[in-house]
């Protein structure tokens, strides 16, 4: 039986609210309550979303880069 201080999935340890692994487009959909993964791909095409990179045919996002992008977007909204 797992204790309350152990993560449900031992492969994922949360640090700063984000998983301690590279994020998938599906993770961004969940994190930002986006309508679909296609939104993430549109952001990449338009270069308006968090920076990502390809690993073979897969797109991955560095959690630190996503956090920085989110902070930048939040600052822009606060300034408006």
C-alpha atoms as a PDB file:
ATOM      1  CA  UNK A   1       0.000   0.000   0.000  1.00  0.00           C
ATOM      2  CA  UNK A   2       1.410   3.410  -1.014  1.00  0.00           C
ATOM      3  CA  UNK A   3       1.738   6.179   1.517  1.00  0.00           C
ATOM      4  CA  UNK A   4       0.420   9.671   0.813  1.00  0.00           C
ATOM      5  CA  UNK A   5       3.910  11.117   0.213  1.00  0.00           C
ATOM      6  CA  UNK A   6       4.680   8.689  -2.637  1.00  0.00           C
ATOM      7  CA  UNK A   7       3.587   9.628  -6.163  1.00  0.00           C
ATOM      8  CA  UNK A   8       0.932   7.362  -7.671  1.00  0.00           C
ATOM      9  CA  UNK A   9       3.279   6.585 -10.559  1.00  0.00           C
ATOM     10  CA  UNK A  10       6.876   6.137  -9.323  1.00  0.00           C
ATOM     11  CA  UNK A  11       8.229   7.169 -12.746  1.00  0.00           C
ATOM     12  CA  UNK A  12       6.771  10.657 -12.333  1.00  0.00           C
ATOM     13  CA  UNK A  13       7.923  12.958  -9.554  1.00  0.00           C
ATOM     14  CA  UNK A  14       6.311  16.374  -9.473  1.00  0.00           C
ATOM     15  CA  UNK A  15       8.638  19.327  -9.084  1.00  0.00           C
ATOM     16  CA  UNK A  16       7.217  22.817  -9.253  1.00  0.00           C
ATOM     17  CA  UNK A  17       3.844  21.414 -10.349  1.00  0.00           C
ATOM     18  CA  UNK A  18       5.232  19.811 -13.507  1.00  0.00           C
ATOM     19  CA  UNK A  19       6.316  16.212 -14.108  1.00  0.00           C
ATOM     20  CA  UNK A  20      10.025  15.436 -13.878  1.00  0.00           C
ATOM     21  CA  UNK A  21      10.082  14.216 -17.490  1.00  0.00           C
ATOM     22  CA  UNK A  22       9.691  15.688 -20.949  1.00  0.00           C
ATOM     23  CA  UNK A  23       6.089  16.598 -21.708  1.00  0.00           C
ATOM     24  CA  UNK A  24       4.007  15.341 -24.603  1.00  0.00           C
ATOM     25  CA  UNK A  25       1.478  17.371 -26.611  1.00  0.00           C
ATOM     26  CA  UNK A  26      -1.211  15.457 -24.722  1.00  0.00           C
ATOM     27  CA  UNK A  27       0.277  16.702 -21.436  1.00  0.00           C
ATOM     28  CA  UNK A  28      -0.082  20.298 -22.657  1.00  0.00           C
ATOM     29  CA  UNK A  29      -3.711  19.640 -23.643  1.00  0.00           C
ATOM     30  CA  UNK A  30      -4.392  18.455 -20.094  1.00  0.00           C
ATOM     31  CA  UNK A  31      -2.366  21.191 -18.379  1.00  0.00           C
ATOM     32  CA  UNK A  32      -3.963  24.076 -20.262  1.00  0.00           C
ATOM     33  CA  UNK A  33      -7.425  22.536 -20.860  1.00  0.00           C
ATOM     34  CA  UNK A  34      -7.011  22.827 -24.624  1.00  0.00           C
ATOM     35  CA  UNK A  35      -9.696  21.541 -26.991  1.00  0.00           C
ATOM     36  CA  UNK A  36      -7.365  19.071 -28.735  1.00  0.00           C
ATOM     37  CA  UNK A  37      -3.780  18.136 -29.458  1.00  0.00           C
ATOM     38  CA  UNK A  38      -4.175  19.867 -32.830  1.00  0.00           C
ATOM     39  CA  UNK A  39      -4.076  23.182 -30.937  1.00  0.00           C
ATOM     40  CA  UNK A  40      -0.551  22.345 -29.726  1.00  0.00           C
ATOM     41  CA  UNK A  41       0.535  21.517 -33.283  1.00  0.00           C
ATOM     42  CA  UNK A  42      -0.981  24.785 -34.552  1.00  0.00           C
ATOM     43  CA  UNK A  43       0.958  26.680 -31.883  1.00  0.00           C
ATOM     44  CA  UNK A  44       4.150  24.993 -33.125  1.00  0.00           C
ATOM     45  CA  UNK A  45       3.414  25.867 -36.761  1.00  0.00           C
ATOM     46  CA  UNK A  46       2.685  29.495 -35.824  1.00  0.00           C
ATOM     47  CA  UNK A  47       5.586  29.584 -33.313  1.00  0.00           C
ATOM     48  CA  UNK A  48       3.359  30.967 -30.563  1.00  0.00           C
ATOM     49  CA  UNK A  49       3.424  28.083 -28.086  1.00  0.00           C
ATOM     50  CA  UNK A  50       6.112  26.771 -25.788  1.00  0.00           C
ATOM     51  CA  UNK A  51       9.259  25.638 -27.583  1.00  0.00           C
ATOM     52  CA  UNK A  52       9.347  21.951 -28.316  1.00  0.00           C
ATOM     53  CA  UNK A  53      11.660  19.550 -30.071  1.00  0.00           C
ATOM     54  CA  UNK A  54      11.371  16.350 -32.044  1.00  0.00           C
ATOM     55  CA  UNK A  55      12.589  12.962 -30.932  1.00  0.00           C
ATOM     56  CA  UNK A  56      12.130  10.960 -34.080  1.00  0.00           C
ATOM     57  CA  UNK A  57       8.507  11.471 -35.019  1.00  0.00           C
ATOM     58  CA  UNK A  58       7.473  12.577 -31.536  1.00  0.00           C
ATOM     59  CA  UNK A  59       7.275  16.139 -30.192  1.00  0.00           C
ATOM     60  CA  UNK A  60       8.420  16.734 -26.632  1.00  0.00           C
ATOM     61  CA  UNK A  61       8.537  19.805 -24.399  1.00  0.00           C
ATOM     62  CA  UNK A  62      10.992  20.623 -21.633  1.00  0.00           C
ATOM     63  CA  UNK A  63       8.990  21.333 -18.447  1.00  0.00           C
ATOM     64  CA  UNK A  64      11.247  24.301 -17.630  1.00  0.00           C
ATOM     65  CA  UNK A  65      10.593  25.813 -21.082  1.00  0.00           C
ATOM     66  CA  UNK A  66       6.838  25.321 -20.651  1.00  0.00           C
ATOM     67  CA  UNK A  67       7.022  26.993 -17.225  1.00  0.00           C
ATOM     68  CA  UNK A  68       8.985  29.935 -18.701  1.00  0.00           C
ATOM     69  CA  UNK A  69       6.528  30.270 -21.600  1.00  0.00           C
ATOM     70  CA  UNK A  70       3.595  30.213 -19.190  1.00  0.00           C
ATOM     71  CA  UNK A  71       5.232  32.878 -16.991  1.00  0.00           C
ATOM     72  CA  UNK A  72       5.875  35.058 -20.050  1.00  0.00           C
ATOM     73  CA  UNK A  73       2.261  34.723 -21.218  1.00  0.00           C
ATOM     74  CA  UNK A  74       0.986  35.490 -17.720  1.00  0.00           C
ATOM     75  CA  UNK A  75       3.178  38.601 -17.515  1.00  0.00           C
ATOM     76  CA  UNK A  76       1.853  39.791 -20.891  1.00  0.00           C
ATOM     77  CA  UNK A  77      -1.738  39.306 -19.708  1.00  0.00           C
ATOM     78  CA  UNK A  78      -1.038  41.118 -16.440  1.00  0.00           C
ATOM     79  CA  UNK A  79       0.532  44.066 -18.319  1.00  0.00           C
ATOM     80  CA  UNK A  80      -2.461  44.425 -20.636  1.00  0.00           C
END
